[in-house]
């Protein structure tokens, strides 16, 4: 049993001020594997104070040394790769192969920002003449300060790497709140940070829920920036809290992403990309391509291929090699998705997906394709966070674009087509921060990640993700 009643503050584990705890449940076996503190505002006070004390020293640490620290964190993750993948799979319910991919993505992110930290050091003080006679200028980049980081449960270690790595590279100190649903992999990260030799107070990790940690962290005046990934309602609350003091926020929120399939697309490739977009991590992805738009000439054949593929999936123990899809993260999420199944029946939506025999235990929901779903349906418009796919036919590219963009969200999209030029033209018209053409949903560390409209504010990864933790400074002088 994992009992997580301590907080990581100033490089030490200290008892939480909270008395309330939340159970940690293995979503496959549906049995308790531990408990975690709910956290307390006093924990936030202590962590923020530690981060503020550490800020001057970490800010003054040479960028190359910060890069070395990030490489050390990556090495620590590599040493624990197998154990952390197993721990994540048990805590989250994702298949072991997906958990291994998460570890590889996190390691690559720390490595990338180690390189970016060193490059930042080489850029500091570069000349930036403004074309004014007798004057010259130099550019510098300063860390934004103490940052509060809040991550969700669907991609442990990955979401935290996307925030923590650029923040540390920039010279910021951190108060980090992982999800109380999947805290086990992130707890190991605190030990890795200490082993990597980061000074006390540079990284502080607080276990807890929204009332205990999330809300007091968001409104704390000692936090200079907030970065949040999660649901839109909570993101709006974080933004309201940040308004006091005019503190910047980065928000990576929901999605209802489309996948467009033209009539000349390779059928097998289209089927595989649609399946990956809705079944990976049991559909618990903000970028899940949960709206299928397929040309009317290919629709029947693609629908049949998807139904057959869904009916052949192996659901079961996420740590078994033969398992293609594991359970949802917990009973609450399973019940939420089941609510949409009931809603689909009430709305009269039709599905021909074969009924899968679910395991006797576990928080499972079988994948399902609903055909010709009205655009007014809640299943078409709302983020479900489960393996339910809604589909519609289109007759022209113009109609496909209009249907794809008719959404409150704009995080991601996919295009599957036999004509590369046509696919690129479609992609340029889609209101989405990331568009993939004839490929899986890749998000390398050097790229950018984020969305338009209700999908958030700002970008993570790449240069934009680094810039989110830096304040540019221009110094002008005679010369």
Protein backbone atom coordinates (compact mmCIF):
# COMPACT_ATOMS: atom_id res chain seq x y z
CA UNK A 1 0.00 0.00 0.00
CA UNK A 2 1.24 3.44 -0.94
CA UNK A 3 0.48 6.01 1.77
CA UNK A 4 1.23 9.51 0.48
CA UNK A 5 0.73 11.83 3.43
CA UNK A 6 3.91 13.87 3.02
CA UNK A 7 4.73 16.84 0.80
CA UNK A 8 8.06 17.47 -0.93
CA UNK A 9 9.19 20.92 0.24
CA UNK A 10 12.78 22.21 0.36
CA UNK A 11 14.12 18.82 -0.82
CA UNK A 12 12.56 17.05 2.17
CA UNK A 13 9.41 15.06 2.78
CA UNK A 14 7.34 16.82 5.43
CA UNK A 15 3.99 15.82 6.90
CA UNK A 16 0.97 17.44 5.25
CA UNK A 17 -1.12 19.70 7.44
CA UNK A 18 -4.24 17.93 6.13
CA UNK A 19 -6.09 15.14 7.90
CA UNK A 20 -8.37 14.15 4.98
CA UNK A 21 -7.15 11.56 2.47
CA UNK A 22 -8.26 10.13 -0.88
CA UNK A 23 -8.04 6.44 -1.78
CA UNK A 24 -5.84 5.35 -4.69
CA UNK A 25 -7.55 2.67 -6.76
CA UNK A 26 -6.14 0.23 -9.31
CA UNK A 27 -8.73 0.74 -12.10
CA UNK A 28 -8.29 -2.80 -13.45
CA UNK A 29 -8.57 -4.73 -10.22
CA UNK A 30 -10.81 -2.08 -8.63
CA UNK A 31 -8.98 -2.42 -5.36
CA UNK A 32 -7.21 0.09 -3.16
CA UNK A 33 -3.47 0.39 -3.67
CA UNK A 34 -2.97 3.28 -1.29
CA UNK A 35 -4.15 6.69 -0.22
CA UNK A 36 -3.03 10.27 -0.74
CA UNK A 37 -3.42 13.39 1.34
CA UNK A 38 -6.06 15.90 0.27
CA UNK A 39 -3.56 18.65 1.06
CA UNK A 40 -4.02 21.87 2.98
CA UNK A 41 -3.52 25.59 2.21
CA UNK A 42 -0.78 25.61 4.85
CA UNK A 43 1.16 23.18 2.64
CA UNK A 44 0.93 25.70 -0.17
CA UNK A 45 2.21 28.47 2.08
CA UNK A 46 5.28 26.44 3.01
CA UNK A 47 6.01 25.40 -0.56
CA UNK A 48 5.67 28.89 -2.00
CA UNK A 49 7.92 30.28 0.72
CA UNK A 50 10.55 27.64 -0.13
CA UNK A 51 10.32 28.43 -3.85
CA UNK A 52 10.71 32.16 -3.21
CA UNK A 53 13.78 31.58 -1.04
CA UNK A 54 15.34 29.42 -3.76
CA UNK A 55 14.56 31.76 -6.66
CA UNK A 56 17.56 34.15 -6.44
CA UNK A 57 20.08 31.31 -6.37
CA UNK A 58 18.49 29.28 -9.15
CA UNK A 59 18.00 32.41 -11.27
CA UNK A 60 21.73 33.12 -10.92
CA UNK A 61 22.74 29.53 -11.75
CA UNK A 62 24.45 29.47 -15.17
CA UNK A 63 22.20 28.19 -17.92
CA UNK A 64 24.65 25.40 -18.75
CA UNK A 65 24.41 24.14 -15.17
CA UNK A 66 20.62 24.20 -15.35
CA UNK A 67 20.93 22.14 -18.53
CA UNK A 68 23.10 19.63 -16.69
CA UNK A 69 20.43 19.33 -13.99
CA UNK A 70 17.76 18.59 -16.61
CA UNK A 71 19.97 15.93 -18.18
CA UNK A 72 20.35 14.41 -14.72
CA UNK A 73 16.57 14.28 -14.32
CA UNK A 74 16.29 12.54 -17.70
CA UNK A 75 18.95 10.03 -16.60
CA UNK A 76 17.04 9.39 -13.39
CA UNK A 77 13.89 8.62 -15.36
CA UNK A 78 15.85 6.31 -17.65
CA UNK A 79 17.20 4.34 -14.67
CA UNK A 80 13.66 3.86 -13.37
CA UNK A 81 11.97 3.42 -16.75
CA UNK A 82 10.62 -0.10 -16.19
CA UNK A 83 9.50 0.48 -12.61
CA UNK A 84 7.83 3.80 -13.43
CA UNK A 85 6.01 2.36 -16.43
CA UNK A 86 4.69 -0.45 -14.26
CA UNK A 87 3.67 2.02 -11.55
CA UNK A 88 1.93 4.31 -14.04
CA UNK A 89 0.08 1.42 -15.65
CA UNK A 90 -1.19 0.24 -12.30
CA UNK A 91 -2.18 3.72 -11.11
CA UNK A 92 -3.67 4.95 -14.40
CA UNK A 93 -4.87 1.77 -16.13
CA UNK A 94 -3.13 2.39 -19.46
CA UNK A 95 -1.50 -0.55 -21.28
CA UNK A 96 2.13 -1.07 -20.37
CA UNK A 97 3.30 -0.24 -23.90
CA UNK A 98 1.62 3.18 -23.65
CA UNK A 99 3.17 3.75 -20.22
CA UNK A 100 6.60 3.03 -21.70
CA UNK A 101 5.90 5.56 -24.45
CA UNK A 102 5.03 8.13 -21.79
CA UNK A 103 8.40 7.58 -20.10
CA UNK A 104 10.24 7.94 -23.41
CA UNK A 105 8.36 11.18 -24.18
CA UNK A 106 9.15 12.62 -20.76
CA UNK A 107 12.84 11.74 -21.02
CA UNK A 108 13.05 13.34 -24.48
CA UNK A 109 11.43 16.50 -23.13
CA UNK A 110 13.99 16.95 -20.33
CA UNK A 111 16.81 16.28 -22.79
CA UNK A 112 15.42 18.85 -25.21
CA UNK A 113 15.17 21.62 -22.65
CA UNK A 114 18.62 20.81 -21.32
CA UNK A 115 19.87 21.75 -24.77
CA UNK A 116 17.63 24.83 -24.84
CA UNK A 117 18.98 26.01 -21.49
CA UNK A 118 22.54 25.91 -22.80
CA UNK A 119 21.50 27.70 -25.98
CA UNK A 120 19.84 30.41 -23.87
CA UNK A 121 23.13 31.04 -22.12
CA UNK A 122 24.81 31.61 -25.47
CA UNK A 123 22.12 34.11 -26.50
CA UNK A 124 22.25 36.24 -23.37
CA UNK A 125 23.55 39.72 -24.08
CA UNK A 126 23.35 39.53 -27.87
CA UNK A 127 23.47 42.87 -29.67
CA UNK A 128 20.12 44.17 -30.88
CA UNK A 129 20.81 47.52 -32.49
CA UNK A 130 17.72 49.53 -33.18
CA UNK A 131 19.02 51.66 -36.03
CA UNK A 132 19.28 54.80 -33.88
CA UNK A 133 22.56 56.67 -34.28
CA UNK A 134 24.71 56.66 -31.18
CA UNK A 135 22.76 53.92 -29.41
CA UNK A 136 23.14 50.19 -29.15
CA UNK A 137 21.17 47.53 -27.29
CA UNK A 138 21.53 44.05 -25.87
CA UNK A 139 18.91 41.40 -25.26
CA UNK A 140 18.50 39.27 -22.16
CA UNK A 141 15.93 36.74 -20.99
CA UNK A 142 15.01 36.50 -17.32
CA UNK A 143 12.99 33.77 -15.56
CA UNK A 144 9.43 34.82 -14.88
CA UNK A 145 9.75 33.82 -11.22
CA UNK A 146 7.96 31.26 -9.05
CA UNK A 147 5.52 29.24 -11.12
CA UNK A 148 2.58 27.07 -10.08
CA UNK A 149 2.12 23.96 -12.22
CA UNK A 150 -1.06 21.86 -12.17
CA UNK A 151 -1.35 18.68 -14.26
CA UNK A 152 -4.11 16.10 -14.96
CA UNK A 153 -4.22 12.34 -14.56
CA UNK A 154 -4.22 11.09 -18.15
CA UNK A 155 -0.50 11.38 -18.95
CA UNK A 156 1.56 11.19 -15.73
CA UNK A 157 5.18 12.32 -16.09
CA UNK A 158 4.52 13.62 -19.62
CA UNK A 159 2.34 16.61 -18.71
CA UNK A 160 4.68 17.44 -15.86
CA UNK A 161 7.74 17.26 -18.14
CA UNK A 162 6.12 19.66 -20.60
CA UNK A 163 5.87 22.24 -17.80
CA UNK A 164 8.67 21.45 -15.40
CA UNK A 165 11.49 21.10 -17.96
CA UNK A 166 11.09 24.55 -19.62
CA UNK A 167 10.40 26.24 -16.26
CA UNK A 168 13.62 24.90 -14.76
CA UNK A 169 15.59 25.64 -17.93
CA UNK A 170 14.40 29.25 -17.75
CA UNK A 171 15.57 29.62 -14.14
CA UNK A 172 12.14 29.52 -12.49
CA UNK A 173 11.42 27.76 -9.22
CA UNK A 174 8.35 25.57 -9.03
CA UNK A 175 5.41 24.51 -6.90
CA UNK A 176 3.96 21.48 -8.68
CA UNK A 177 0.58 19.86 -8.03
CA UNK A 178 0.07 16.55 -9.84
CA UNK A 179 -3.36 14.96 -10.02
CA UNK A 180 -4.53 13.34 -6.82
CA UNK A 181 -5.85 10.48 -8.98
CA UNK A 182 -2.44 9.42 -10.35
CA UNK A 183 0.20 10.72 -7.90
CA UNK A 184 2.43 7.64 -7.74
CA UNK A 185 4.67 8.20 -10.80
CA UNK A 186 5.03 11.92 -10.04
CA UNK A 187 6.09 11.19 -6.45
CA UNK A 188 9.07 9.30 -7.83
CA UNK A 189 9.96 12.43 -9.81
CA UNK A 190 10.61 14.32 -6.57
CA UNK A 191 13.22 11.76 -5.55
CA UNK A 192 14.85 12.04 -8.97
CA UNK A 193 14.99 15.83 -8.64
CA UNK A 194 16.77 15.51 -5.31
CA UNK A 195 19.21 12.93 -6.69
CA UNK A 196 19.93 15.25 -9.62
CA UNK A 197 21.33 17.78 -7.17
CA UNK A 198 18.83 20.61 -7.56
CA UNK A 199 19.05 23.01 -4.60
CA UNK A 200 16.35 22.92 -1.90
CA UNK A 201 13.19 24.80 -2.83
CA UNK A 202 13.73 24.78 -6.60
CA UNK A 203 11.13 22.03 -7.07
CA UNK A 204 8.35 21.56 -4.52
CA UNK A 205 5.73 18.85 -5.08
CA UNK A 206 2.37 19.00 -3.32
CA UNK A 207 -0.10 16.14 -3.28
CA UNK A 208 -3.74 17.07 -2.87
CA UNK A 209 -7.05 17.92 -4.45
CA UNK A 210 -8.52 21.16 -5.79
CA UNK A 211 -9.76 22.65 -2.51
CA UNK A 212 -6.69 21.54 -0.56
CA UNK A 213 -3.95 22.54 -3.01
CA UNK A 214 -5.18 23.64 -6.44
CA UNK A 215 -7.32 26.62 -5.40
CA UNK A 216 -4.95 28.07 -2.78
CA UNK A 217 -2.01 27.65 -5.16
CA UNK A 218 -3.88 29.44 -7.97
CA UNK A 219 -4.71 32.46 -5.84
CA UNK A 220 -1.45 32.69 -3.89
CA UNK A 221 0.19 36.13 -4.36
CA UNK A 222 3.64 34.55 -4.20
CA UNK A 223 3.06 32.75 -7.52
CA UNK A 224 4.27 34.75 -10.53
CA UNK A 225 2.75 32.52 -13.24
CA UNK A 226 0.30 29.62 -13.43
CA UNK A 227 0.33 26.79 -15.95
CA UNK A 228 -2.68 24.46 -15.91
CA UNK A 229 -3.74 21.46 -17.96
CA UNK A 230 -7.21 20.04 -17.43
CA UNK A 231 -10.89 20.75 -17.83
CA UNK A 232 -12.38 24.02 -19.05
CA UNK A 233 -14.35 24.79 -15.86
CA UNK A 234 -11.25 24.42 -13.68
CA UNK A 235 -9.16 26.33 -16.24
CA UNK A 236 -11.58 29.23 -16.02
CA UNK A 237 -11.30 29.17 -12.22
CA UNK A 238 -7.50 29.25 -12.46
CA UNK A 239 -7.74 32.20 -14.85
CA UNK A 240 -10.04 34.10 -12.49
CA UNK A 241 -7.65 33.50 -9.61
CA UNK A 242 -4.70 34.70 -11.69
CA UNK A 243 -6.48 37.94 -12.57
CA UNK A 244 -5.65 39.24 -9.08
CA UNK A 245 -2.21 40.70 -9.47
CA UNK A 246 -2.35 40.41 -13.28
CA UNK A 247 -0.38 37.16 -13.32
CA UNK A 248 0.12 35.35 -16.64
CA UNK A 249 -1.48 31.96 -17.25
CA UNK A 250 -0.98 29.12 -19.69
CA UNK A 251 -4.03 26.91 -20.15
CA UNK A 252 -4.22 23.63 -22.05
CA UNK A 253 -7.87 22.67 -21.91
CA UNK A 254 -10.41 20.52 -23.70
CA UNK A 255 -10.87 19.39 -27.24
CA UNK A 256 -13.42 17.84 -29.57
CA UNK A 257 -11.06 17.17 -32.42
CA UNK A 258 -12.10 16.17 -35.96
CA UNK A 259 -10.49 13.66 -38.28
CA UNK A 260 -11.26 14.26 -41.97
CA UNK A 261 -11.07 11.35 -44.42
CA UNK A 262 -11.34 12.03 -48.15
CA UNK A 263 -12.69 9.57 -50.72
CA UNK A 264 -9.22 8.79 -52.12
CA UNK A 265 -7.71 7.85 -48.74
CA UNK A 266 -6.21 4.41 -48.20
CA UNK A 267 -8.94 2.54 -46.34
CA UNK A 268 -6.68 0.52 -44.04
CA UNK A 269 -4.57 3.54 -43.15
CA UNK A 270 -7.67 5.62 -42.45
CA UNK A 271 -9.10 2.88 -40.21
CA UNK A 272 -5.87 2.62 -38.22
CA UNK A 273 -5.55 6.38 -37.72
CA UNK A 274 -9.18 6.71 -36.66
CA UNK A 275 -8.75 3.86 -34.19
CA UNK A 276 -5.58 5.35 -32.72
CA UNK A 277 -7.23 8.74 -32.40
CA UNK A 278 -10.14 7.45 -30.33
CA UNK A 279 -8.82 4.31 -28.56
CA UNK A 280 -5.31 5.29 -27.45
CA UNK A 281 -5.34 5.71 -23.65
CA UNK A 282 -8.97 4.54 -23.82
CA UNK A 283 -9.90 7.83 -25.48
CA UNK A 284 -8.78 9.81 -22.42
CA UNK A 285 -6.94 12.44 -24.45
CA UNK A 286 -7.72 16.10 -24.94
CA UNK A 287 -6.61 15.63 -28.56
CA UNK A 288 -8.78 12.55 -29.17
CA UNK A 289 -10.18 12.76 -32.72
CA UNK A 290 -13.69 11.95 -31.55
CA UNK A 291 -15.49 13.50 -34.56
CA UNK A 292 -15.08 11.53 -37.79
CA UNK A 293 -15.87 13.37 -41.02
CA UNK A 294 -15.69 11.03 -44.01
CA UNK A 295 -16.51 11.61 -47.66
CA UNK A 296 -19.80 10.03 -48.63
CA UNK A 297 -18.13 7.77 -51.23
CA UNK A 298 -15.95 6.11 -48.60
CA UNK A 299 -18.24 6.34 -45.58
CA UNK A 300 -19.90 2.92 -45.62
CA UNK A 301 -16.64 1.06 -46.19
CA UNK A 302 -14.82 3.00 -43.47
CA UNK A 303 -17.67 2.61 -40.99
CA UNK A 304 -17.62 -1.16 -41.52
CA UNK A 305 -13.84 -1.31 -41.13
CA UNK A 306 -13.94 0.67 -37.88
CA UNK A 307 -16.76 -1.42 -36.44
CA UNK A 308 -14.79 -4.59 -37.21
CA UNK A 309 -11.63 -3.18 -35.66
CA UNK A 310 -13.44 -2.07 -32.52
CA UNK A 311 -15.12 -5.46 -32.22
CA UNK A 312 -11.73 -7.19 -32.39
CA UNK A 313 -10.01 -5.15 -29.66
CA UNK A 314 -8.65 -6.99 -26.66
CA UNK A 315 -9.67 -5.30 -23.41
CA UNK A 316 -8.12 -6.51 -20.20
CA UNK A 317 -5.20 -6.32 -17.81
CA UNK A 318 -3.15 -3.27 -18.85
CA UNK A 319 0.03 -5.09 -17.88
CA UNK A 320 -0.67 -8.01 -20.22
CA UNK A 321 1.10 -7.84 -23.58
CA UNK A 322 -2.02 -8.88 -25.50
CA UNK A 323 -4.16 -6.03 -24.11
CA UNK A 324 -4.97 -3.34 -26.67
CA UNK A 325 -7.02 -1.09 -24.40
CA UNK A 326 -7.13 -0.86 -20.64
CA UNK A 327 -9.80 0.47 -18.29
CA UNK A 328 -10.71 4.09 -17.75
CA UNK A 329 -8.84 5.76 -14.92
CA UNK A 330 -11.48 5.25 -12.22
CA UNK A 331 -15.12 4.46 -11.56
CA UNK A 332 -16.14 8.12 -11.72
CA UNK A 333 -14.75 8.46 -15.24
CA UNK A 334 -16.32 5.16 -16.29
CA UNK A 335 -19.71 6.30 -15.00
CA UNK A 336 -19.34 9.64 -16.76
CA UNK A 337 -18.75 7.91 -20.10
CA UNK A 338 -21.59 5.47 -19.43
CA UNK A 339 -23.77 8.55 -19.00
CA UNK A 340 -23.04 9.45 -22.61
CA UNK A 341 -23.99 5.93 -23.68
CA UNK A 342 -27.37 6.45 -22.04
CA UNK A 343 -27.64 9.87 -23.65
CA UNK A 344 -26.91 8.37 -27.07
CA UNK A 345 -29.78 5.94 -26.59
CA UNK A 346 -32.08 8.77 -25.52
CA UNK A 347 -31.07 10.80 -28.58
CA UNK A 348 -31.73 7.85 -30.87
CA UNK A 349 -28.16 7.58 -32.14
CA UNK A 350 -27.33 4.41 -34.04
CA UNK A 351 -24.32 2.14 -33.72
CA UNK A 352 -23.45 -1.14 -35.42
CA UNK A 353 -20.28 -1.76 -33.43
CA UNK A 354 -20.21 -5.36 -32.19
CA UNK A 355 -20.74 -5.69 -28.46
CA UNK A 356 -17.47 -6.55 -26.71
CA UNK A 357 -17.44 -8.88 -23.74
CA UNK A 358 -16.01 -6.73 -20.99
CA UNK A 359 -13.74 -8.18 -18.31
CA UNK A 360 -15.51 -9.24 -15.14
CA UNK A 361 -13.84 -6.45 -13.21
CA UNK A 362 -12.32 -3.10 -14.02
CA UNK A 363 -13.49 0.36 -15.06
CA UNK A 364 -14.05 -0.59 -18.69
CA UNK A 365 -16.16 0.99 -21.42
CA UNK A 366 -16.14 -0.67 -24.83
CA UNK A 367 -15.38 1.55 -27.85
CA UNK A 368 -18.30 2.43 -30.08
CA UNK A 369 -18.93 4.21 -33.38
CA UNK A 370 -22.12 6.23 -33.77
CA UNK A 371 -23.11 6.94 -37.37
CA UNK A 372 -24.56 10.13 -38.84
CA UNK A 373 -24.68 11.97 -35.55
CA UNK A 374 -26.51 15.33 -35.71
CA UNK A 375 -24.31 18.34 -35.06
CA UNK A 376 -26.73 19.37 -32.32
CA UNK A 377 -26.10 16.16 -30.35
CA UNK A 378 -24.30 16.53 -27.05
CA UNK A 379 -22.10 13.59 -28.05
CA UNK A 380 -21.00 15.54 -31.13
CA UNK A 381 -20.33 18.77 -29.27
CA UNK A 382 -19.05 17.81 -25.80
CA UNK A 383 -15.72 16.35 -24.77
CA UNK A 384 -16.43 12.82 -23.52
CA UNK A 385 -12.92 11.62 -22.60
CA UNK A 386 -13.71 8.05 -23.52
CA UNK A 387 -13.69 5.74 -26.57
CA UNK A 388 -16.94 6.97 -28.16
CA UNK A 389 -16.64 8.09 -31.80
CA UNK A 390 -19.24 10.19 -33.62
CA UNK A 391 -19.30 10.23 -37.43
CA UNK A 392 -20.86 12.20 -40.26
CA UNK A 393 -20.56 12.14 -44.04
CA UNK A 394 -19.59 15.11 -46.17
CA UNK A 395 -19.98 15.75 -49.89
CA UNK A 396 -17.37 18.46 -50.46
CA UNK A 397 -14.21 19.80 -48.88
CA UNK A 398 -16.01 23.04 -48.08
CA UNK A 399 -18.65 21.14 -46.14
CA UNK A 400 -15.98 19.14 -44.30
CA UNK A 401 -14.15 22.30 -43.24
CA UNK A 402 -17.36 23.94 -42.04
CA UNK A 403 -18.33 20.88 -40.00
CA UNK A 404 -14.84 20.52 -38.53
CA UNK A 405 -14.65 24.16 -37.46
CA UNK A 406 -18.15 24.23 -36.01
CA UNK A 407 -16.89 23.60 -32.48
CA UNK A 408 -16.13 25.48 -29.29
CA UNK A 409 -12.70 23.86 -29.32
CA UNK A 410 -9.65 24.08 -31.56
CA UNK A 411 -6.91 21.91 -30.12
CA UNK A 412 -6.12 19.37 -32.84
CA UNK A 413 -7.26 17.75 -36.08
CA UNK A 414 -6.22 15.01 -38.50
CA UNK A 415 -6.54 14.68 -42.26
CA UNK A 416 -6.32 11.38 -44.15
CA UNK A 417 -6.13 11.74 -47.90
CA UNK A 418 -4.54 10.26 -51.00
CA UNK A 419 -3.74 13.73 -52.35
CA UNK A 420 -1.00 15.49 -50.33
CA UNK A 421 -1.76 18.90 -51.84
CA UNK A 422 -5.45 18.61 -51.05
CA UNK A 423 -4.67 17.42 -47.53
CA UNK A 424 -2.44 20.44 -46.90
CA UNK A 425 -5.12 22.79 -48.22
CA UNK A 426 -7.64 21.23 -45.82
CA UNK A 427 -5.19 21.51 -42.94
CA UNK A 428 -4.62 25.22 -43.57
CA UNK A 429 -8.36 25.88 -43.20
CA UNK A 430 -8.82 23.93 -39.98
CA UNK A 431 -9.08 25.93 -36.75
CA UNK A 432 -6.69 23.84 -34.70
CA UNK A 433 -3.31 24.31 -33.08
CA UNK A 434 -2.01 20.95 -34.34
CA UNK A 435 -2.97 19.13 -37.54
CA UNK A 436 -1.61 15.73 -38.58
CA UNK A 437 -1.77 14.51 -42.18
CA UNK A 438 -1.67 10.76 -42.83
CA UNK A 439 0.23 10.11 -39.58
CA UNK A 440 -0.27 9.41 -35.91
CA UNK A 441 -0.62 12.13 -33.28
CA UNK A 442 3.02 12.98 -32.71
CA UNK A 443 4.10 15.80 -30.36
CA UNK A 444 7.91 15.99 -30.25
CA UNK A 445 9.55 18.32 -27.72
CA UNK A 446 10.74 20.79 -30.37
CA UNK A 447 7.19 21.30 -31.71
CA UNK A 448 4.46 23.43 -30.18
CA UNK A 449 1.35 22.19 -28.42
CA UNK A 450 -1.82 24.09 -27.66
CA UNK A 451 -5.11 25.14 -29.15
CA UNK A 452 -7.41 27.85 -30.37
CA UNK A 453 -10.81 29.00 -29.08
CA UNK A 454 -11.88 27.16 -25.93
CA UNK A 455 -8.90 24.81 -26.02
CA UNK A 456 -6.69 27.16 -24.09
CA UNK A 457 -4.22 30.01 -23.97
CA UNK A 458 -0.57 29.83 -25.03
CA UNK A 459 1.57 26.94 -26.18
CA UNK A 460 3.67 24.25 -24.56
CA UNK A 461 6.79 22.56 -25.99
CA UNK A 462 9.16 24.10 -28.51
CA UNK A 463 10.31 27.69 -28.46
CA UNK A 464 6.88 28.97 -27.44
CA UNK A 465 6.77 26.63 -24.45
CA UNK A 466 10.16 27.92 -23.32
CA UNK A 467 9.24 31.57 -23.88
CA UNK A 468 6.22 31.12 -21.59
CA UNK A 469 8.61 31.03 -18.61
CA UNK A 470 10.92 33.84 -19.74
CA UNK A 471 10.67 37.62 -19.60
CA UNK A 472 12.58 39.35 -22.44
CA UNK A 473 14.66 42.37 -21.45
CA UNK A 474 16.23 44.97 -23.76
CA UNK A 475 19.04 47.12 -22.39
CA UNK A 476 19.82 50.25 -24.44
CA UNK A 477 22.99 52.28 -23.98
CA UNK A 478 25.25 54.70 -25.84
CA UNK A 479 27.68 53.10 -28.23
